[in-house]
Amino acid sequence: MALHFELVTPARLVRSEEVHMVVVPGAEGEFGVLEGHAPFMSTIRDGAVQVYKSATSAPEMIQVRGGFAEVGDTGLTVLAEHVDED
């Protein structure tokens, strides 16, 4: 089972991939999303989106600033105002 994850900024699509789990820095606290998660929408705060490629992998950290996260039938989309890339 895999979760479809997209990370988007106003300028471009940063990521679109199948992953195991993503932990998002929500405005009310961090939340984790796995495949099959109930529909959900939240604002996000500045912080790190943690992307787990598999159940046993260490997370990849992607720094984001502001935006929204939406979980729907097609997976998780994070619409970030800005993404700090290495």
PDB file of N, CA and C in Angstrom:
ATOM      1  N   MET A   1       0.841  -1.179   0.000  1.00  0.00           N
ATOM      2  CA  MET A   1       0.000   0.000   0.000  1.00  0.00           C
ATOM      3  C   MET A   1       0.881   1.236   0.000  1.00  0.00           C
ATOM      4  N   ALA A   2       0.462   2.235  -0.774  1.00  0.00           N
ATOM      5  CA  ALA A   2       1.246   3.464  -0.862  1.00  0.00           C
ATOM      6  C   ALA A   2       0.317   4.672  -0.892  1.00  0.00           C
ATOM      7  N   LEU A   3       0.832   5.749  -0.367  1.00  0.00           N
ATOM      8  CA  LEU A   3       0.125   7.017  -0.338  1.00  0.00           C
ATOM      9  C   LEU A   3       0.652   7.895  -1.468  1.00  0.00           C
ATOM     10  N   HIS A   4      -0.240   8.467  -2.264  1.00  0.00           N
ATOM     11  CA  HIS A   4       0.199   9.408  -3.287  1.00  0.00           C
ATOM     12  C   HIS A   4       0.382  10.766  -2.620  1.00  0.00           C
ATOM     13  N   PHE A   5       1.586  11.331  -2.734  1.00  0.00           N
ATOM     14  CA  PHE A   5       1.957  12.590  -2.085  1.00  0.00           C
ATOM     15  C   PHE A   5       2.384  13.606  -3.137  1.00  0.00           C
ATOM     16  N   GLU A   6       1.797  14.793  -3.051  1.00  0.00           N
ATOM     17  CA  GLU A   6       2.216  15.904  -3.906  1.00  0.00           C
ATOM     18  C   GLU A   6       2.545  17.105  -3.044  1.00  0.00           C
ATOM     19  N   LEU A   7       3.652  17.760  -3.371  1.00  0.00           N
ATOM     20  CA  LEU A   7       4.072  18.999  -2.724  1.00  0.00           C
ATOM     21  C   LEU A   7       4.127  20.060  -3.807  1.00  0.00           C
ATOM     22  N   VAL A   8       3.343  21.125  -3.613  1.00  0.00           N
ATOM     23  CA  VAL A   8       3.169  22.148  -4.643  1.00  0.00           C
ATOM     24  C   VAL A   8       3.416  23.524  -4.037  1.00  0.00           C
ATOM     25  N   THR A   9       4.038  24.417  -4.804  1.00  0.00           N
ATOM     26  CA  THR A   9       4.146  25.829  -4.442  1.00  0.00           C
ATOM     27  C   THR A   9       3.387  26.621  -5.497  1.00  0.00           C
ATOM     28  N   PRO A  10       3.191  27.926  -5.275  1.00  0.00           N
ATOM     29  CA  PRO A  10       2.528  28.715  -6.322  1.00  0.00           C
ATOM     30  C   PRO A  10       3.281  28.687  -7.657  1.00  0.00           C
ATOM     31  N   ALA A  11       4.578  28.424  -7.604  1.00  0.00           N
ATOM     32  CA  ALA A  11       5.393  28.448  -8.823  1.00  0.00           C
ATOM     33  C   ALA A  11       5.459  27.113  -9.559  1.00  0.00           C
ATOM     34  N   ARG A  12       5.385  25.975  -8.797  1.00  0.00           N
ATOM     35  CA  ARG A  12       5.604  24.698  -9.488  1.00  0.00           C
ATOM     36  C   ARG A  12       5.248  23.491  -8.624  1.00  0.00           C
ATOM     37  N   LEU A  13       5.205  22.349  -9.283  1.00  0.00           N
ATOM     38  CA  LEU A  13       5.062  21.063  -8.610  1.00  0.00           C
ATOM     39  C   LEU A  13       6.455  20.641  -8.148  1.00  0.00           C
ATOM     40  N   VAL A  14       6.644  20.498  -6.843  1.00  0.00           N
ATOM     41  CA  VAL A  14       7.951  20.147  -6.283  1.00  0.00           C
ATOM     42  C   VAL A  14       8.124  18.633  -6.226  1.00  0.00           C
ATOM     43  N   ARG A  15       7.084  17.915  -5.798  1.00  0.00           N
ATOM     44  CA  ARG A  15       7.135  16.457  -5.666  1.00  0.00           C
ATOM     45  C   ARG A  15       5.810  15.846  -6.078  1.00  0.00           C
ATOM     46  N   SER A  16       5.862  14.679  -6.650  1.00  0.00           N
ATOM     47  CA  SER A  16       4.687  13.858  -6.914  1.00  0.00           C
ATOM     48  C   SER A  16       5.181  12.420  -6.910  1.00  0.00           C
ATOM     49  N   GLU A  17       4.864  11.691  -5.820  1.00  0.00           N
ATOM     50  CA  GLU A  17       5.423  10.347  -5.672  1.00  0.00           C
ATOM     51  C   GLU A  17       4.573   9.494  -4.741  1.00  0.00           C
ATOM     52  N   GLU A  18       4.824   8.192  -4.785  1.00  0.00           N
ATOM     53  CA  GLU A  18       4.178   7.238  -3.900  1.00  0.00           C
ATOM     54  C   GLU A  18       5.090   7.034  -2.699  1.00  0.00           C
ATOM     55  N   VAL A  19       4.555   7.185  -1.494  1.00  0.00           N
ATOM     56  CA  VAL A  19       5.337   7.049  -0.268  1.00  0.00           C
ATOM     57  C   VAL A  19       4.562   6.210   0.737  1.00  0.00           C
ATOM     58  N   HIS A  20       5.221   5.858   1.837  1.00  0.00           N
ATOM     59  CA  HIS A  20       4.558   5.093   2.899  1.00  0.00           C
ATOM     60  C   HIS A  20       3.737   6.010   3.804  1.00  0.00           C
ATOM     61  N   MET A  21       4.357   7.114   4.281  1.00  0.00           N
ATOM     62  CA  MET A  21       3.692   8.011   5.214  1.00  0.00           C
ATOM     63  C   MET A  21       4.309   9.399   5.126  1.00  0.00           C
ATOM     64  N   VAL A  22       3.494  10.418   5.432  1.00  0.00           N
ATOM     65  CA  VAL A  22       3.982  11.794   5.499  1.00  0.00           C
ATOM     66  C   VAL A  22       3.487  12.390   6.815  1.00  0.00           C
ATOM     67  N   VAL A  23       4.380  13.079   7.534  1.00  0.00           N
ATOM     68  CA  VAL A  23       4.013  13.805   8.744  1.00  0.00           C
ATOM     69  C   VAL A  23       4.082  15.290   8.401  1.00  0.00           C
ATOM     70  N   VAL A  24       2.972  15.998   8.642  1.00  0.00           N
ATOM     71  CA  VAL A  24       2.815  17.395   8.237  1.00  0.00           C
ATOM     72  C   VAL A  24       2.761  18.288   9.478  1.00  0.00           C
ATOM     73  N   PRO A  25       3.446  19.453   9.451  1.00  0.00           N
ATOM     74  CA  PRO A  25       3.372  20.382  10.580  1.00  0.00           C
ATOM     75  C   PRO A  25       2.088  21.215  10.524  1.00  0.00           C
ATOM     76  N   GLY A  26       1.006  20.652  11.010  1.00  0.00           N
ATOM     77  CA  GLY A  26      -0.278  21.350  10.993  1.00  0.00           C
ATOM     78  C   GLY A  26      -0.307  22.512  11.960  1.00  0.00           C
ATOM     79  N   ALA A  27      -1.200  23.453  11.735  1.00  0.00           N
ATOM     80  CA  ALA A  27      -1.322  24.623  12.597  1.00  0.00           C
ATOM     81  C   ALA A  27      -1.682  24.227  14.032  1.00  0.00           C
ATOM     82  N   GLU A  28      -2.407  23.127  14.194  1.00  0.00           N
ATOM     83  CA  GLU A  28      -2.819  22.667  15.522  1.00  0.00           C
ATOM     84  C   GLU A  28      -1.924  21.542  16.043  1.00  0.00           C
ATOM     85  N   GLY A  29      -0.836  21.245  15.337  1.00  0.00           N
ATOM     86  CA  GLY A  29       0.084  20.176  15.720  1.00  0.00           C
ATOM     87  C   GLY A  29       0.370  19.266  14.541  1.00  0.00           C
ATOM     88  N   GLU A  30       1.415  18.480  14.662  1.00  0.00           N
ATOM     89  CA  GLU A  30       1.780  17.564  13.584  1.00  0.00           C
ATOM     90  C   GLU A  30       0.733  16.472  13.418  1.00  0.00           C
ATOM     91  N   PHE A  31       0.560  16.025  12.171  1.00  0.00           N
ATOM     92  CA  PHE A  31      -0.323  14.887  11.908  1.00  0.00           C
ATOM     93  C   PHE A  31       0.291  14.013  10.834  1.00  0.00           C
ATOM     94  N   GLY A  32       0.111  12.706  10.995  1.00  0.00           N
ATOM     95  CA  GLY A  32       0.637  11.738  10.042  1.00  0.00           C
ATOM     96  C   GLY A  32      -0.460  11.262   9.112  1.00  0.00           C
ATOM     97  N   VAL A  33      -0.076  11.003   7.868  1.00  0.00           N
ATOM     98  CA  VAL A  33      -1.037  10.545   6.855  1.00  0.00           C
ATOM     99  C   VAL A  33      -0.510   9.268   6.213  1.00  0.00           C
ATOM    100  N   LEU A  34      -1.334   8.228   6.261  1.00  0.00           N
ATOM    101  CA  LEU A  34      -1.083   6.971   5.575  1.00  0.00           C
ATOM    102  C   LEU A  34      -2.159   6.790   4.512  1.00  0.00           C
ATOM    103  N   GLU A  35      -1.951   5.854   3.605  1.00  0.00           N
ATOM    104  CA  GLU A  35      -2.984   5.552   2.609  1.00  0.00           C
ATOM    105  C   GLU A  35      -4.283   5.186   3.320  1.00  0.00           C
ATOM    106  N   GLY A  36      -5.400   5.670   2.794  1.00  0.00           N
ATOM    107  CA  GLY A  36      -6.695   5.366   3.373  1.00  0.00           C
ATOM    108  C   GLY A  36      -7.133   6.337   4.453  1.00  0.00           C
ATOM    109  N   HIS A  37      -6.341   7.380   4.714  1.00  0.00           N
ATOM    110  CA  HIS A  37      -6.695   8.377   5.730  1.00  0.00           C
ATOM    111  C   HIS A  37      -8.022   9.036   5.364  1.00  0.00           C
ATOM    112  N   ALA A  38      -8.812   9.367   6.359  1.00  0.00           N
ATOM    113  CA  ALA A  38     -10.088  10.059   6.134  1.00  0.00           C
ATOM    114  C   ALA A  38      -9.826  11.434   5.522  1.00  0.00           C
ATOM    115  N   PRO A  39     -10.743  11.935   4.702  1.00  0.00           N
ATOM    116  CA  PRO A  39     -10.582  13.278   4.125  1.00  0.00           C
ATOM    117  C   PRO A  39     -10.381  14.307   5.244  1.00  0.00           C
ATOM    118  N   PHE A  40      -9.475  15.254   4.983  1.00  0.00           N
ATOM    119  CA  PHE A  40      -9.043  16.168   6.031  1.00  0.00           C
ATOM    120  C   PHE A  40      -8.417  17.384   5.374  1.00  0.00           C
ATOM    121  N   MET A  41      -8.569  18.545   5.984  1.00  0.00           N
ATOM    122  CA  MET A  41      -7.907  19.748   5.475  1.00  0.00           C
ATOM    123  C   MET A  41      -7.392  20.545   6.661  1.00  0.00           C
ATOM    124  N   SER A  42      -6.191  21.112   6.530  1.00  0.00           N
ATOM    125  CA  SER A  42      -5.587  21.871   7.618  1.00  0.00           C
ATOM    126  C   SER A  42      -4.668  22.942   7.058  1.00  0.00           C
ATOM    127  N   THR A  43      -4.560  24.046   7.783  1.00  0.00           N
ATOM    128  CA  THR A  43      -3.491  24.989   7.481  1.00  0.00           C
ATOM    129  C   THR A  43      -2.212  24.388   8.050  1.00  0.00           C
ATOM    130  N   ILE A  44      -1.075  24.797   7.496  1.00  0.00           N
ATOM    131  CA  ILE A  44       0.199  24.299   8.008  1.00  0.00           C
ATOM    132  C   ILE A  44       1.030  25.467   8.498  1.00  0.00           C
ATOM    133  N   ARG A  45       1.872  25.160   9.473  1.00  0.00           N
ATOM    134  CA  ARG A  45       2.780  26.163  10.009  1.00  0.00           C
ATOM    135  C   ARG A  45       4.168  25.931   9.412  1.00  0.00           C
ATOM    136  N   ASP A  46       5.052  26.876   9.614  1.00  0.00           N
ATOM    137  CA  ASP A  46       6.426  26.710   9.168  1.00  0.00           C
ATOM    138  C   ASP A  46       7.033  25.517   9.900  1.00  0.00           C
ATOM    139  N   GLY A  47       7.726  24.675   9.156  1.00  0.00           N
ATOM    140  CA  GLY A  47       8.346  23.499   9.764  1.00  0.00           C
ATOM    141  C   GLY A  47       8.740  22.490   8.720  1.00  0.00           C
ATOM    142  N   ALA A  48       8.976  21.267   9.176  1.00  0.00           N
ATOM    143  CA  ALA A  48       9.449  20.205   8.289  1.00  0.00           C
ATOM    144  C   ALA A  48       8.336  19.216   7.980  1.00  0.00           C
ATOM    145  N   VAL A  49       8.135  18.964   6.688  1.00  0.00           N
ATOM    146  CA  VAL A  49       7.306  17.853   6.242  1.00  0.00           C
ATOM    147  C   VAL A  49       8.240  16.643   6.246  1.00  0.00           C
ATOM    148  N   GLN A  50       7.818  15.574   6.922  1.00  0.00           N
ATOM    149  CA  GLN A  50       8.636  14.367   7.031  1.00  0.00           C
ATOM    150  C   GLN A  50       8.070  13.303   6.099  1.00  0.00           C
ATOM    151  N   VAL A  51       8.863  12.905   5.115  1.00  0.00           N
ATOM    152  CA  VAL A  51       8.415  11.944   4.105  1.00  0.00           C
ATOM    153  C   VAL A  51       9.108  10.605   4.346  1.00  0.00           C
ATOM    154  N   TYR A  52       8.303   9.575   4.629  1.00  0.00           N
ATOM    155  CA  TYR A  52       8.814   8.220   4.841  1.00  0.00           C
ATOM    156  C   TYR A  52       8.560   7.421   3.566  1.00  0.00           C
ATOM    157  N   LYS A  53       9.634   7.021   2.880  1.00  0.00           N
ATOM    158  CA  LYS A  53       9.504   6.263   1.631  1.00  0.00           C
ATOM    159  C   LYS A  53       9.002   4.843   1.891  1.00  0.00           C
ATOM    160  N   SER A  54       9.369   4.267   3.042  1.00  0.00           N
ATOM    161  CA  SER A  54       8.912   2.935   3.415  1.00  0.00           C
ATOM    162  C   SER A  54       8.688   2.903   4.922  1.00  0.00           C
ATOM    163  N   ALA A  55       8.116   1.816   5.414  1.00  0.00           N
ATOM    164  CA  ALA A  55       7.814   1.691   6.841  1.00  0.00           C
ATOM    165  C   ALA A  55       9.075   1.686   7.699  1.00  0.00           C
ATOM    166  N   THR A  56      10.192   1.276   7.124  1.00  0.00           N
ATOM    167  CA  THR A  56      11.435   1.168   7.904  1.00  0.00           C
ATOM    168  C   THR A  56      12.453   2.256   7.592  1.00  0.00           C
ATOM    169  N   SER A  57      12.149   3.153   6.671  1.00  0.00           N
ATOM    170  CA  SER A  57      13.124   4.167   6.285  1.00  0.00           C
ATOM    171  C   SER A  57      13.114   5.354   7.236  1.00  0.00           C
ATOM    172  N   ALA A  58      14.236   6.047   7.289  1.00  0.00           N
ATOM    173  CA  ALA A  58      14.318   7.309   8.027  1.00  0.00           C
ATOM    174  C   ALA A  58      13.601   8.372   7.194  1.00  0.00           C
ATOM    175  N   PRO A  59      13.008   9.371   7.839  1.00  0.00           N
ATOM    176  CA  PRO A  59      12.271  10.370   7.069  1.00  0.00           C
ATOM    177  C   PRO A  59      13.186  11.335   6.323  1.00  0.00           C
ATOM    178  N   GLU A  60      12.716  11.753   5.171  1.00  0.00           N
ATOM    179  CA  GLU A  60      13.347  12.869   4.450  1.00  0.00           C
ATOM    180  C   GLU A  60      12.627  14.123   4.929  1.00  0.00           C
ATOM    181  N   MET A  61      13.388  15.136   5.330  1.00  0.00           N
ATOM    182  CA  MET A  61      12.811  16.366   5.867  1.00  0.00           C
ATOM    183  C   MET A  61      12.798  17.438   4.782  1.00  0.00           C
ATOM    184  N   ILE A  62      11.634  18.037   4.563  1.00  0.00           N
ATOM    185  CA  ILE A  62      11.489  19.126   3.592  1.00  0.00           C
ATOM    186  C   ILE A  62      10.917  20.324   4.344  1.00  0.00           C
ATOM    187  N   GLN A  63      11.681  21.402   4.403  1.00  0.00           N
ATOM    188  CA  GLN A  63      11.245  22.601   5.118  1.00  0.00           C
ATOM    189  C   GLN A  63      10.231  23.381   4.279  1.00  0.00           C
ATOM    190  N   VAL A  64       9.101  23.709   4.906  1.00  0.00           N
ATOM    191  CA  VAL A  64       8.051  24.470   4.226  1.00  0.00           C
ATOM    192  C   VAL A  64       7.680  25.674   5.075  1.00  0.00           C
ATOM    193  N   ARG A  65       7.110  26.676   4.398  1.00  0.00           N
ATOM    194  CA  ARG A  65       6.607  27.858   5.095  1.00  0.00           C
ATOM    195  C   ARG A  65       5.184  28.125   4.644  1.00  0.00           C
ATOM    196  N   GLY A  66       4.247  28.044   5.588  1.00  0.00           N
ATOM    197  CA  GLY A  66       2.854  28.386   5.343  1.00  0.00           C
ATOM    198  C   GLY A  66       2.168  27.536   4.296  1.00  0.00           C
ATOM    199  N   GLY A  67       0.847  27.594   4.301  1.00  0.00           N
ATOM    200  CA  GLY A  67       0.076  26.916   3.276  1.00  0.00           C
ATOM    201  C   GLY A  67      -1.026  26.051   3.845  1.00  0.00           C
ATOM    202  N   PHE A  68      -1.401  25.047   3.070  1.00  0.00           N
ATOM    203  CA  PHE A  68      -2.503  24.154   3.403  1.00  0.00           C
ATOM    204  C   PHE A  68      -2.120  22.715   3.077  1.00  0.00           C
ATOM    205  N   ALA A  69      -2.773  21.786   3.743  1.00  0.00           N
ATOM    206  CA  ALA A  69      -2.636  20.365   3.423  1.00  0.00           C
ATOM    207  C   ALA A  69      -4.036  19.807   3.248  1.00  0.00           C
ATOM    208  N   GLU A  70      -4.206  18.979   2.224  1.00  0.00           N
ATOM    209  CA  GLU A  70      -5.504  18.364   1.976  1.00  0.00           C
ATOM    210  C   GLU A  70      -5.324  16.874   1.732  1.00  0.00           C
ATOM    211  N   VAL A  71      -6.067  16.082   2.493  1.00  0.00           N
ATOM    212  CA  VAL A  71      -6.106  14.639   2.285  1.00  0.00           C
ATOM    213  C   VAL A  71      -7.436  14.331   1.612  1.00  0.00           C
ATOM    214  N   GLY A  72      -7.374  13.644   0.490  1.00  0.00           N
ATOM    215  CA  GLY A  72      -8.584  13.286  -0.243  1.00  0.00           C
ATOM    216  C   GLY A  72      -8.484  11.876  -0.789  1.00  0.00           C
ATOM    217  N   ASP A  73      -9.403  11.538  -1.678  1.00  0.00           N
ATOM    218  CA  ASP A  73      -9.426  10.201  -2.272  1.00  0.00           C
ATOM    219  C   ASP A  73      -8.160   9.886  -3.052  1.00  0.00           C
ATOM    220  N   THR A  74      -7.502  10.919  -3.592  1.00  0.00           N
ATOM    221  CA  THR A  74      -6.314  10.691  -4.411  1.00  0.00           C
ATOM    222  C   THR A  74      -5.017  10.755  -3.616  1.00  0.00           C
ATOM    223  N   GLY A  75      -5.081  11.038  -2.306  1.00  0.00           N
ATOM    224  CA  GLY A  75      -3.872  11.089  -1.484  1.00  0.00           C
ATOM    225  C   GLY A  75      -3.731  12.407  -0.754  1.00  0.00           C
ATOM    226  N   LEU A  76      -2.483  12.801  -0.494  1.00  0.00           N
ATOM    227  CA  LEU A  76      -2.163  14.015   0.252  1.00  0.00           C
ATOM    228  C   LEU A  76      -1.540  15.045  -0.668  1.00  0.00           C
ATOM    229  N   THR A  77      -2.087  16.261  -0.632  1.00  0.00           N
ATOM    230  CA  THR A  77      -1.487  17.386  -1.346  1.00  0.00           C
ATOM    231  C   THR A  77      -1.142  18.453  -0.332  1.00  0.00           C
ATOM    232  N   VAL A  78       0.120  18.887  -0.333  1.00  0.00           N
ATOM    233  CA  VAL A  78       0.565  19.994   0.502  1.00  0.00           C
ATOM    234  C   VAL A  78       0.798  21.172  -0.430  1.00  0.00           C
ATOM    235  N   LEU A  79       0.054  22.261  -0.194  1.00  0.00           N
ATOM    236  CA  LEU A  79       0.180  23.488  -0.971  1.00  0.00           C
ATOM    237  C   LEU A  79       0.936  24.485  -0.106  1.00  0.00           C
ATOM    238  N   ALA A  80       2.253  24.560  -0.280  1.00  0.00           N
ATOM    239  CA  ALA A  80       3.104  25.391   0.573  1.00  0.00           C
ATOM    240  C   ALA A  80       3.378  26.733  -0.092  1.00  0.00           C
ATOM    241  N   GLU A  81       3.421  27.770   0.718  1.00  0.00           N
ATOM    242  CA  GLU A  81       3.767  29.096   0.198  1.00  0.00           C
ATOM    243  C   GLU A  81       5.211  29.120  -0.286  1.00  0.00           C
ATOM    244  N   HIS A  82       6.094  28.387   0.434  1.00  0.00           N
ATOM    245  CA  HIS A  82       7.502  28.330   0.060  1.00  0.00           C
ATOM    246  C   HIS A  82       8.093  27.001   0.524  1.00  0.00           C
ATOM    247  N   VAL A  83       9.007  26.447  -0.272  1.00  0.00           N
ATOM    248  CA  VAL A  83       9.713  25.222   0.063  1.00  0.00           C
ATOM    249  C   VAL A  83      11.213  25.508   0.022  1.00  0.00           C
ATOM    250  N   ASP A  84      11.904  25.193   1.106  1.00  0.00           N
ATOM    251  CA  ASP A  84      13.371  25.343   1.158  1.00  0.00           C
ATOM    252  C   ASP A  84      13.973  24.039   0.677  1.00  0.00           C
ATOM    253  N   GLU A  85      14.586  24.069  -0.493  1.00  0.00           N
ATOM    254  CA  GLU A  85      15.188  22.867  -1.053  1.00  0.00           C
ATOM    255  C   GLU A  85      16.695  22.934  -0.924  1.00  0.00           C
ATOM    256  N   ASP A  86      17.300  21.750  -0.736  1.00  0.00           N
ATOM    257  CA  ASP A  86      18.768  21.676  -0.636  1.00  0.00           C
ATOM    258  C   ASP A  86      19.414  21.938  -1.967  1.00  0.00           C
TER     259      ASP A  86
END
